[in-house]
Amino acid sequence: MNLTEAIKAVAPHASKDKLVPVLTGVQIQNGRAMATDRYTLAIVGVEELDMRLNLWLSPEDVKAGVQSVTIDLITFTSGATKPTQDAPGDYPAIERIANGFEPNNGTVIETISLDVAHLSKFAAKFLPRSYGLHTPVFTFGVSPTKPVKVTFSAFPEYVGVVVPIRIREA
């Protein structure tokens, strides 16, 4: 996925909570764009992105439409540029959550409740239309208390996670 598409795909997962400003933006790190609001997260691999980049895009940058980034400069789709900025804190190590995910070990889960507002953040409208239809695949964790992984077969570079809000085992 290109940088503009990747930012569009992860941006809905950025927090709106001004008390945690570092989570209100999009982190670019290790060739990936990522965002989290503490209840959902999304990580997308970005084509042709310098793996050494480690920078934070503010909500204003994301709204303005980022076209490209370098270590020193952000270029917007309008052609405007601005220097990169430091994040207003340390971004959490969310890659570990998605990378350490194990599929369900056969535990029967009678009921799991997920906030519909959180699930809507995984809507196909945030992914490029050039790949056709997008059906999310939900993979449950190793126990009923673990997060649920969300993937799209058309986008193997996309990983999402949503945290259950209520669980009842069978």
N, C-alpha and C. Protein backbone atom coordinates (compact mmCIF):
# COMPACT_ATOMS: atom_id res chain seq x y z
N MET A 1 0.85 -1.16 0.00
CA MET A 1 0.00 0.00 0.00
C MET A 1 0.90 1.24 0.00
N ASN A 2 0.52 2.26 -0.72
CA ASN A 2 1.33 3.47 -0.71
C ASN A 2 1.09 4.26 0.59
N LEU A 3 1.91 5.26 0.83
CA LEU A 3 1.85 5.99 2.10
C LEU A 3 0.50 6.67 2.32
N THR A 4 -0.05 7.33 1.31
CA THR A 4 -1.32 8.02 1.45
C THR A 4 -2.43 7.04 1.80
N GLU A 5 -2.48 5.89 1.12
CA GLU A 5 -3.50 4.87 1.41
C GLU A 5 -3.31 4.29 2.80
N ALA A 6 -2.07 4.05 3.20
CA ALA A 6 -1.78 3.47 4.51
C ALA A 6 -2.22 4.41 5.63
N ILE A 7 -1.94 5.69 5.48
CA ILE A 7 -2.36 6.65 6.50
C ILE A 7 -3.88 6.70 6.59
N LYS A 8 -4.55 6.68 5.44
CA LYS A 8 -6.01 6.69 5.42
C LYS A 8 -6.57 5.44 6.11
N ALA A 9 -5.91 4.29 5.94
CA ALA A 9 -6.38 3.04 6.54
C ALA A 9 -6.21 3.00 8.06
N VAL A 10 -5.15 3.60 8.58
CA VAL A 10 -4.91 3.54 10.03
C VAL A 10 -5.47 4.73 10.79
N ALA A 11 -5.68 5.86 10.14
CA ALA A 11 -6.11 7.09 10.82
C ALA A 11 -7.38 6.94 11.66
N PRO A 12 -8.39 6.15 11.23
CA PRO A 12 -9.58 6.02 12.08
C PRO A 12 -9.29 5.43 13.46
N HIS A 13 -8.16 4.79 13.62
CA HIS A 13 -7.80 4.15 14.89
C HIS A 13 -7.04 5.09 15.82
N ALA A 14 -6.69 6.27 15.35
CA ALA A 14 -6.01 7.26 16.20
C ALA A 14 -7.00 7.78 17.23
N SER A 15 -6.50 8.05 18.40
CA SER A 15 -7.34 8.51 19.51
C SER A 15 -7.80 9.95 19.30
N LYS A 16 -8.94 10.26 19.83
CA LYS A 16 -9.45 11.64 19.85
C LYS A 16 -9.20 12.27 21.22
N ASP A 17 -8.67 11.48 22.14
CA ASP A 17 -8.45 11.91 23.53
C ASP A 17 -7.23 12.82 23.64
N LYS A 18 -7.45 14.09 23.88
CA LYS A 18 -6.36 15.08 23.98
C LYS A 18 -5.50 14.86 25.22
N LEU A 19 -5.98 14.04 26.18
CA LEU A 19 -5.19 13.75 27.38
C LEU A 19 -4.02 12.81 27.08
N VAL A 20 -4.10 12.13 25.93
CA VAL A 20 -3.01 11.25 25.48
C VAL A 20 -2.62 11.70 24.07
N PRO A 21 -1.96 12.85 23.95
CA PRO A 21 -1.72 13.44 22.63
C PRO A 21 -0.91 12.56 21.67
N VAL A 22 -0.01 11.73 22.18
CA VAL A 22 0.79 10.90 21.29
C VAL A 22 -0.08 9.91 20.51
N LEU A 23 -1.23 9.54 21.06
CA LEU A 23 -2.11 8.59 20.37
C LEU A 23 -3.05 9.26 19.38
N THR A 24 -3.04 10.59 19.32
CA THR A 24 -3.93 11.30 18.39
C THR A 24 -3.40 11.35 16.97
N GLY A 25 -2.16 10.95 16.76
CA GLY A 25 -1.55 11.00 15.43
C GLY A 25 -1.27 9.61 14.88
N VAL A 26 -0.55 9.59 13.77
CA VAL A 26 -0.14 8.35 13.11
C VAL A 26 1.37 8.22 13.24
N GLN A 27 1.83 7.08 13.68
CA GLN A 27 3.26 6.81 13.82
C GLN A 27 3.76 6.11 12.56
N ILE A 28 4.88 6.57 12.03
CA ILE A 28 5.55 5.92 10.90
C ILE A 28 6.83 5.32 11.46
N GLN A 29 6.97 3.99 11.36
CA GLN A 29 8.10 3.31 11.98
C GLN A 29 8.31 1.96 11.32
N ASN A 30 9.57 1.58 11.11
CA ASN A 30 9.92 0.26 10.56
C ASN A 30 9.17 -0.07 9.27
N GLY A 31 8.96 0.94 8.41
CA GLY A 31 8.29 0.71 7.14
C GLY A 31 6.80 0.52 7.26
N ARG A 32 6.23 0.95 8.38
CA ARG A 32 4.80 0.78 8.61
C ARG A 32 4.16 2.06 9.12
N ALA A 33 2.87 2.21 8.84
CA ALA A 33 2.05 3.27 9.43
C ALA A 33 1.21 2.59 10.49
N MET A 34 1.04 3.24 11.66
CA MET A 34 0.26 2.63 12.72
C MET A 34 -0.46 3.68 13.55
N ALA A 35 -1.59 3.27 14.12
CA ALA A 35 -2.36 4.15 14.99
C ALA A 35 -3.16 3.30 15.96
N THR A 36 -3.41 3.86 17.15
CA THR A 36 -4.22 3.17 18.16
C THR A 36 -4.94 4.18 19.01
N ASP A 37 -6.10 3.76 19.52
CA ASP A 37 -6.84 4.58 20.48
C ASP A 37 -6.96 3.84 21.82
N ARG A 38 -6.22 2.80 22.01
CA ARG A 38 -6.18 1.91 23.17
C ARG A 38 -7.22 0.81 23.11
N TYR A 39 -8.20 0.89 22.23
CA TYR A 39 -9.22 -0.14 22.11
C TYR A 39 -9.12 -0.86 20.78
N THR A 40 -8.61 -0.16 19.77
CA THR A 40 -8.34 -0.77 18.47
C THR A 40 -6.96 -0.31 18.04
N LEU A 41 -6.38 -1.04 17.13
CA LEU A 41 -5.13 -0.59 16.52
C LEU A 41 -5.08 -1.09 15.09
N ALA A 42 -4.32 -0.40 14.28
CA ALA A 42 -4.12 -0.80 12.90
C ALA A 42 -2.66 -0.55 12.54
N ILE A 43 -2.09 -1.51 11.82
CA ILE A 43 -0.72 -1.41 11.35
C ILE A 43 -0.72 -1.80 9.88
N VAL A 44 -0.12 -0.98 9.02
CA VAL A 44 -0.08 -1.26 7.59
C VAL A 44 1.34 -1.09 7.08
N GLY A 45 1.82 -2.09 6.34
CA GLY A 45 3.10 -1.98 5.67
C GLY A 45 3.00 -0.98 4.53
N VAL A 46 4.03 -0.15 4.37
CA VAL A 46 4.02 0.89 3.35
C VAL A 46 5.08 0.58 2.30
N GLU A 47 4.67 0.59 1.03
CA GLU A 47 5.60 0.33 -0.07
C GLU A 47 6.63 1.45 -0.17
N GLU A 48 7.84 1.08 -0.49
CA GLU A 48 8.92 2.03 -0.80
C GLU A 48 9.11 3.09 0.27
N LEU A 49 9.09 2.69 1.53
CA LEU A 49 9.30 3.62 2.63
C LEU A 49 10.61 3.27 3.32
N ASP A 50 11.40 4.28 3.59
CA ASP A 50 12.69 4.08 4.26
C ASP A 50 12.46 3.44 5.62
N MET A 51 13.03 2.25 5.83
CA MET A 51 12.85 1.51 7.07
C MET A 51 13.42 2.25 8.28
N ARG A 52 14.31 3.21 8.04
CA ARG A 52 14.92 3.96 9.15
C ARG A 52 14.02 5.06 9.68
N LEU A 53 12.96 5.39 8.94
CA LEU A 53 12.07 6.47 9.37
C LEU A 53 11.39 6.10 10.68
N ASN A 54 11.37 7.04 11.58
CA ASN A 54 10.65 6.90 12.84
C ASN A 54 10.11 8.29 13.16
N LEU A 55 8.88 8.57 12.73
CA LEU A 55 8.33 9.90 12.93
C LEU A 55 6.85 9.83 13.21
N TRP A 56 6.33 10.94 13.73
CA TRP A 56 4.93 11.04 14.14
C TRP A 56 4.24 12.10 13.30
N LEU A 57 3.07 11.77 12.81
CA LEU A 57 2.26 12.71 12.04
C LEU A 57 1.10 13.18 12.92
N SER A 58 0.97 14.48 13.08
CA SER A 58 -0.08 15.03 13.92
C SER A 58 -1.44 14.84 13.24
N PRO A 59 -2.54 14.99 13.99
CA PRO A 59 -3.86 14.92 13.36
C PRO A 59 -4.03 15.95 12.24
N GLU A 60 -3.43 17.11 12.41
CA GLU A 60 -3.51 18.15 11.37
C GLU A 60 -2.78 17.70 10.10
N ASP A 61 -1.61 17.05 10.26
CA ASP A 61 -0.87 16.53 9.12
C ASP A 61 -1.71 15.49 8.37
N VAL A 62 -2.33 14.59 9.14
CA VAL A 62 -3.14 13.52 8.55
C VAL A 62 -4.31 14.12 7.77
N LYS A 63 -4.99 15.10 8.36
CA LYS A 63 -6.12 15.75 7.68
C LYS A 63 -5.69 16.45 6.40
N ALA A 64 -4.50 17.04 6.41
CA ALA A 64 -4.01 17.79 5.26
C ALA A 64 -3.65 16.88 4.08
N GLY A 65 -3.48 15.59 4.33
CA GLY A 65 -3.16 14.65 3.25
C GLY A 65 -1.68 14.53 2.99
N VAL A 66 -1.03 13.61 3.64
CA VAL A 66 0.41 13.40 3.48
C VAL A 66 0.67 12.59 2.22
N GLN A 67 1.58 13.08 1.40
CA GLN A 67 1.95 12.38 0.17
C GLN A 67 3.24 11.60 0.34
N SER A 68 4.22 12.22 1.01
CA SER A 68 5.50 11.54 1.22
C SER A 68 6.18 12.10 2.46
N VAL A 69 7.12 11.33 2.99
CA VAL A 69 7.89 11.76 4.16
C VAL A 69 9.35 11.37 3.98
N THR A 70 10.21 12.19 4.54
CA THR A 70 11.62 11.86 4.66
C THR A 70 11.98 12.08 6.12
N ILE A 71 13.22 11.87 6.47
CA ILE A 71 13.63 12.06 7.86
C ILE A 71 13.37 13.50 8.31
N ASP A 72 13.49 14.47 7.41
CA ASP A 72 13.37 15.88 7.77
C ASP A 72 12.11 16.58 7.31
N LEU A 73 11.37 16.00 6.33
CA LEU A 73 10.34 16.77 5.65
C LEU A 73 9.07 15.96 5.38
N ILE A 74 7.92 16.61 5.57
CA ILE A 74 6.62 16.03 5.20
C ILE A 74 6.13 16.79 3.98
N THR A 75 5.73 16.08 2.93
CA THR A 75 5.16 16.70 1.73
C THR A 75 3.69 16.31 1.66
N PHE A 76 2.85 17.30 1.46
CA PHE A 76 1.40 17.08 1.42
C PHE A 76 0.92 16.96 -0.02
N THR A 77 -0.28 16.41 -0.20
CA THR A 77 -0.84 16.23 -1.55
C THR A 77 -1.03 17.57 -2.25
N SER A 78 -1.14 18.65 -1.50
CA SER A 78 -1.28 19.99 -2.09
C SER A 78 0.04 20.52 -2.63
N GLY A 79 1.16 19.85 -2.30
CA GLY A 79 2.48 20.32 -2.71
C GLY A 79 3.19 21.08 -1.59
N ALA A 80 2.46 21.48 -0.56
CA ALA A 80 3.08 22.17 0.58
C ALA A 80 4.00 21.21 1.34
N THR A 81 4.97 21.77 2.04
CA THR A 81 5.88 20.96 2.84
C THR A 81 6.02 21.57 4.23
N LYS A 82 6.49 20.77 5.17
CA LYS A 82 6.81 21.26 6.51
C LYS A 82 7.82 20.31 7.13
N PRO A 83 8.60 20.79 8.07
CA PRO A 83 9.57 19.91 8.74
C PRO A 83 8.84 18.87 9.59
N THR A 84 9.46 17.71 9.75
CA THR A 84 8.89 16.69 10.63
C THR A 84 8.96 17.19 12.07
N GLN A 85 8.18 16.59 12.94
CA GLN A 85 8.16 16.99 14.34
C GLN A 85 8.26 15.77 15.23
N ASP A 86 8.72 16.00 16.45
CA ASP A 86 8.78 14.92 17.42
C ASP A 86 7.39 14.64 17.96
N ALA A 87 7.16 13.40 18.32
CA ALA A 87 5.89 13.03 18.96
C ALA A 87 5.83 13.67 20.34
N PRO A 88 4.63 13.97 20.82
CA PRO A 88 4.50 14.58 22.14
C PRO A 88 4.64 13.56 23.27
N GLY A 89 5.43 12.54 23.07
CA GLY A 89 5.65 11.49 24.07
C GLY A 89 6.14 10.24 23.36
N ASP A 90 6.32 9.17 24.11
CA ASP A 90 6.77 7.90 23.53
C ASP A 90 5.57 7.13 22.99
N TYR A 91 5.67 6.73 21.72
CA TYR A 91 4.59 5.96 21.12
C TYR A 91 4.66 4.53 21.66
N PRO A 92 3.52 3.91 22.01
CA PRO A 92 3.57 2.55 22.57
C PRO A 92 4.07 1.53 21.54
N ALA A 93 4.61 0.45 22.03
CA ALA A 93 5.15 -0.62 21.17
C ALA A 93 4.02 -1.52 20.71
N ILE A 94 3.14 -0.99 19.87
CA ILE A 94 1.95 -1.75 19.47
C ILE A 94 2.26 -2.87 18.48
N GLU A 95 3.40 -2.82 17.81
CA GLU A 95 3.75 -3.90 16.90
C GLU A 95 3.84 -5.24 17.62
N ARG A 96 4.28 -5.22 18.87
CA ARG A 96 4.40 -6.47 19.64
C ARG A 96 3.05 -7.14 19.83
N ILE A 97 1.99 -6.35 19.98
CA ILE A 97 0.66 -6.93 20.18
C ILE A 97 0.24 -7.69 18.92
N ALA A 98 0.38 -7.06 17.77
CA ALA A 98 -0.05 -7.68 16.52
C ALA A 98 0.88 -8.82 16.11
N ASN A 99 2.18 -8.66 16.31
CA ASN A 99 3.13 -9.70 15.90
C ASN A 99 3.07 -10.93 16.80
N GLY A 100 2.70 -10.75 18.06
CA GLY A 100 2.67 -11.87 18.99
C GLY A 100 1.33 -12.57 19.06
N PHE A 101 0.46 -12.31 18.10
CA PHE A 101 -0.89 -12.86 18.11
C PHE A 101 -0.89 -14.33 17.76
N GLU A 102 -1.61 -15.12 18.52
CA GLU A 102 -1.77 -16.56 18.24
C GLU A 102 -3.24 -16.83 17.96
N PRO A 103 -3.55 -17.73 17.03
CA PRO A 103 -4.95 -18.04 16.78
C PRO A 103 -5.57 -18.80 17.96
N ASN A 104 -6.88 -18.86 17.99
CA ASN A 104 -7.62 -19.52 19.05
C ASN A 104 -7.18 -20.98 19.17
N ASN A 105 -7.03 -21.45 20.41
CA ASN A 105 -6.58 -22.82 20.64
C ASN A 105 -7.74 -23.80 20.81
N GLY A 106 -8.93 -23.42 20.40
CA GLY A 106 -10.08 -24.31 20.48
C GLY A 106 -11.02 -23.99 21.62
N THR A 107 -10.72 -22.95 22.40
CA THR A 107 -11.61 -22.55 23.48
C THR A 107 -12.96 -22.15 22.89
N VAL A 108 -14.04 -22.67 23.46
CA VAL A 108 -15.38 -22.31 23.00
C VAL A 108 -15.79 -21.03 23.71
N ILE A 109 -16.15 -20.04 22.93
CA ILE A 109 -16.59 -18.76 23.48
C ILE A 109 -18.06 -18.61 23.15
N GLU A 110 -18.89 -18.58 24.19
CA GLU A 110 -20.33 -18.47 23.96
C GLU A 110 -20.72 -17.07 23.51
N THR A 111 -20.20 -16.06 24.19
CA THR A 111 -20.55 -14.68 23.87
C THR A 111 -19.32 -13.81 23.95
N ILE A 112 -19.15 -12.96 22.97
CA ILE A 112 -18.11 -11.94 23.02
C ILE A 112 -18.76 -10.66 22.51
N SER A 113 -18.60 -9.58 23.23
CA SER A 113 -19.20 -8.32 22.84
C SER A 113 -18.11 -7.35 22.41
N LEU A 114 -18.30 -6.80 21.24
CA LEU A 114 -17.37 -5.80 20.72
C LEU A 114 -18.17 -4.54 20.43
N ASP A 115 -17.62 -3.40 20.77
CA ASP A 115 -18.30 -2.13 20.52
C ASP A 115 -18.39 -1.91 19.01
N VAL A 116 -19.61 -1.75 18.50
CA VAL A 116 -19.83 -1.57 17.06
C VAL A 116 -19.08 -0.36 16.54
N ALA A 117 -18.98 0.68 17.36
CA ALA A 117 -18.24 1.87 16.94
C ALA A 117 -16.78 1.53 16.65
N HIS A 118 -16.23 0.61 17.44
CA HIS A 118 -14.85 0.19 17.19
C HIS A 118 -14.75 -0.64 15.92
N LEU A 119 -15.72 -1.52 15.70
CA LEU A 119 -15.68 -2.35 14.49
C LEU A 119 -15.83 -1.51 13.23
N SER A 120 -16.56 -0.40 13.30
CA SER A 120 -16.75 0.44 12.12
C SER A 120 -15.43 1.05 11.65
N LYS A 121 -14.44 1.11 12.52
CA LYS A 121 -13.13 1.64 12.13
C LYS A 121 -12.42 0.71 11.14
N PHE A 122 -12.90 -0.52 11.04
CA PHE A 122 -12.31 -1.47 10.09
C PHE A 122 -13.09 -1.51 8.78
N ALA A 123 -13.95 -0.53 8.55
CA ALA A 123 -14.79 -0.50 7.35
C ALA A 123 -13.94 -0.40 6.09
N ALA A 124 -14.44 -1.01 5.02
CA ALA A 124 -13.73 -1.02 3.75
C ALA A 124 -13.51 0.38 3.19
N LYS A 125 -14.30 1.36 3.62
CA LYS A 125 -14.15 2.71 3.08
C LYS A 125 -12.78 3.31 3.40
N PHE A 126 -12.06 2.75 4.36
CA PHE A 126 -10.75 3.25 4.72
C PHE A 126 -9.63 2.55 3.95
N LEU A 127 -9.99 1.57 3.12
CA LEU A 127 -8.99 0.82 2.35
C LEU A 127 -9.12 1.16 0.87
N PRO A 128 -8.02 1.02 0.10
CA PRO A 128 -8.08 1.35 -1.33
C PRO A 128 -9.12 0.52 -2.07
N ARG A 129 -9.87 1.15 -2.94
CA ARG A 129 -10.91 0.45 -3.69
C ARG A 129 -10.34 -0.36 -4.86
N SER A 130 -9.11 -0.13 -5.20
CA SER A 130 -8.50 -0.79 -6.36
C SER A 130 -8.41 -2.30 -6.20
N TYR A 131 -8.55 -2.81 -4.98
CA TYR A 131 -8.44 -4.24 -4.74
C TYR A 131 -9.79 -4.96 -4.80
N GLY A 132 -10.87 -4.24 -5.03
CA GLY A 132 -12.19 -4.87 -5.09
C GLY A 132 -12.85 -4.92 -3.73
N LEU A 133 -13.69 -5.94 -3.53
CA LEU A 133 -14.44 -6.07 -2.28
C LEU A 133 -13.51 -6.42 -1.12
N HIS A 134 -13.87 -5.93 0.07
CA HIS A 134 -13.06 -6.19 1.25
C HIS A 134 -13.92 -6.83 2.33
N THR A 135 -13.61 -8.04 2.68
CA THR A 135 -14.33 -8.72 3.75
C THR A 135 -13.37 -8.92 4.91
N PRO A 136 -13.70 -8.36 6.08
CA PRO A 136 -12.79 -8.56 7.22
C PRO A 136 -12.86 -9.99 7.74
N VAL A 137 -11.73 -10.49 8.22
CA VAL A 137 -11.65 -11.81 8.84
C VAL A 137 -11.29 -11.56 10.30
N PHE A 138 -12.12 -12.06 11.23
CA PHE A 138 -11.87 -11.89 12.65
C PHE A 138 -11.30 -13.18 13.21
N THR A 139 -10.12 -13.11 13.82
CA THR A 139 -9.46 -14.27 14.41
C THR A 139 -9.39 -14.05 15.91
N PHE A 140 -9.96 -14.97 16.66
CA PHE A 140 -9.98 -14.82 18.10
C PHE A 140 -8.67 -15.29 18.71
N GLY A 141 -8.29 -14.68 19.81
CA GLY A 141 -7.01 -14.96 20.46
C GLY A 141 -6.96 -16.29 21.16
N VAL A 142 -5.84 -16.53 21.84
CA VAL A 142 -5.61 -17.81 22.49
C VAL A 142 -6.51 -18.04 23.69
N SER A 143 -7.12 -17.01 24.19
CA SER A 143 -8.08 -17.16 25.28
C SER A 143 -9.18 -16.14 25.08
N PRO A 144 -10.31 -16.35 25.73
CA PRO A 144 -11.42 -15.43 25.52
C PRO A 144 -11.18 -14.01 26.03
N THR A 145 -10.11 -13.79 26.76
CA THR A 145 -9.83 -12.44 27.26
C THR A 145 -8.84 -11.69 26.38
N LYS A 146 -8.35 -12.31 25.34
CA LYS A 146 -7.37 -11.67 24.46
C LYS A 146 -8.06 -10.88 23.34
N PRO A 147 -7.35 -9.92 22.76
CA PRO A 147 -7.92 -9.15 21.66
C PRO A 147 -8.23 -10.00 20.43
N VAL A 148 -9.05 -9.45 19.57
CA VAL A 148 -9.44 -10.09 18.32
C VAL A 148 -8.65 -9.44 17.19
N LYS A 149 -8.03 -10.28 16.36
CA LYS A 149 -7.24 -9.79 15.23
C LYS A 149 -8.15 -9.64 14.02
N VAL A 150 -7.98 -8.54 13.28
CA VAL A 150 -8.78 -8.26 12.09
C VAL A 150 -7.84 -8.17 10.90
N THR A 151 -8.11 -8.95 9.86
CA THR A 151 -7.30 -8.91 8.64
C THR A 151 -8.23 -8.86 7.43
N PHE A 152 -7.67 -8.52 6.29
CA PHE A 152 -8.38 -8.51 5.02
C PHE A 152 -7.54 -9.32 4.05
N SER A 153 -8.13 -10.33 3.41
CA SER A 153 -7.36 -11.18 2.51
C SER A 153 -6.74 -10.39 1.36
N ALA A 154 -7.39 -9.32 0.92
CA ALA A 154 -6.86 -8.51 -0.18
C ALA A 154 -5.69 -7.64 0.26
N PHE A 155 -5.49 -7.49 1.59
CA PHE A 155 -4.45 -6.63 2.13
C PHE A 155 -3.61 -7.38 3.15
N PRO A 156 -2.73 -8.26 2.73
CA PRO A 156 -1.94 -9.02 3.71
C PRO A 156 -1.03 -8.13 4.55
N GLU A 157 -0.80 -6.89 4.11
CA GLU A 157 0.07 -5.98 4.85
C GLU A 157 -0.67 -5.24 5.96
N TYR A 158 -1.99 -5.46 6.09
CA TYR A 158 -2.81 -4.77 7.09
C TYR A 158 -3.10 -5.72 8.25
N VAL A 159 -2.87 -5.24 9.47
CA VAL A 159 -3.23 -5.98 10.68
C VAL A 159 -3.98 -5.04 11.60
N GLY A 160 -5.14 -5.47 12.05
CA GLY A 160 -5.91 -4.69 13.01
C GLY A 160 -6.18 -5.53 14.24
N VAL A 161 -6.41 -4.88 15.35
CA VAL A 161 -6.75 -5.57 16.59
C VAL A 161 -7.84 -4.76 17.28
N VAL A 162 -8.84 -5.46 17.81
CA VAL A 162 -9.90 -4.81 18.59
C VAL A 162 -10.00 -5.56 19.92
N VAL A 163 -10.18 -4.81 21.00
CA VAL A 163 -10.24 -5.38 22.34
C VAL A 163 -11.70 -5.68 22.69
N PRO A 164 -12.00 -6.91 23.13
CA PRO A 164 -13.37 -7.22 23.56
C PRO A 164 -13.75 -6.38 24.79
N ILE A 165 -15.05 -6.06 24.90
CA ILE A 165 -15.49 -5.29 26.06
C ILE A 165 -16.21 -6.15 27.10
N ARG A 166 -16.74 -7.32 26.65
CA ARG A 166 -17.39 -8.22 27.58
C ARG A 166 -17.30 -9.63 27.01
N ILE A 167 -16.93 -10.58 27.86
CA ILE A 167 -16.75 -11.95 27.39
C ILE A 167 -17.42 -12.89 28.38
N ARG A 168 -18.12 -13.89 27.84
CA ARG A 168 -18.68 -14.93 28.69
C ARG A 168 -18.32 -16.27 28.07
N GLU A 169 -17.62 -17.10 28.83
CA GLU A 169 -17.21 -18.42 28.31
C GLU A 169 -18.36 -19.39 28.37
N ALA A 170 -18.34 -20.38 27.45
CA ALA A 170 -19.38 -21.42 27.43
C ALA A 170 -19.17 -22.39 28.57
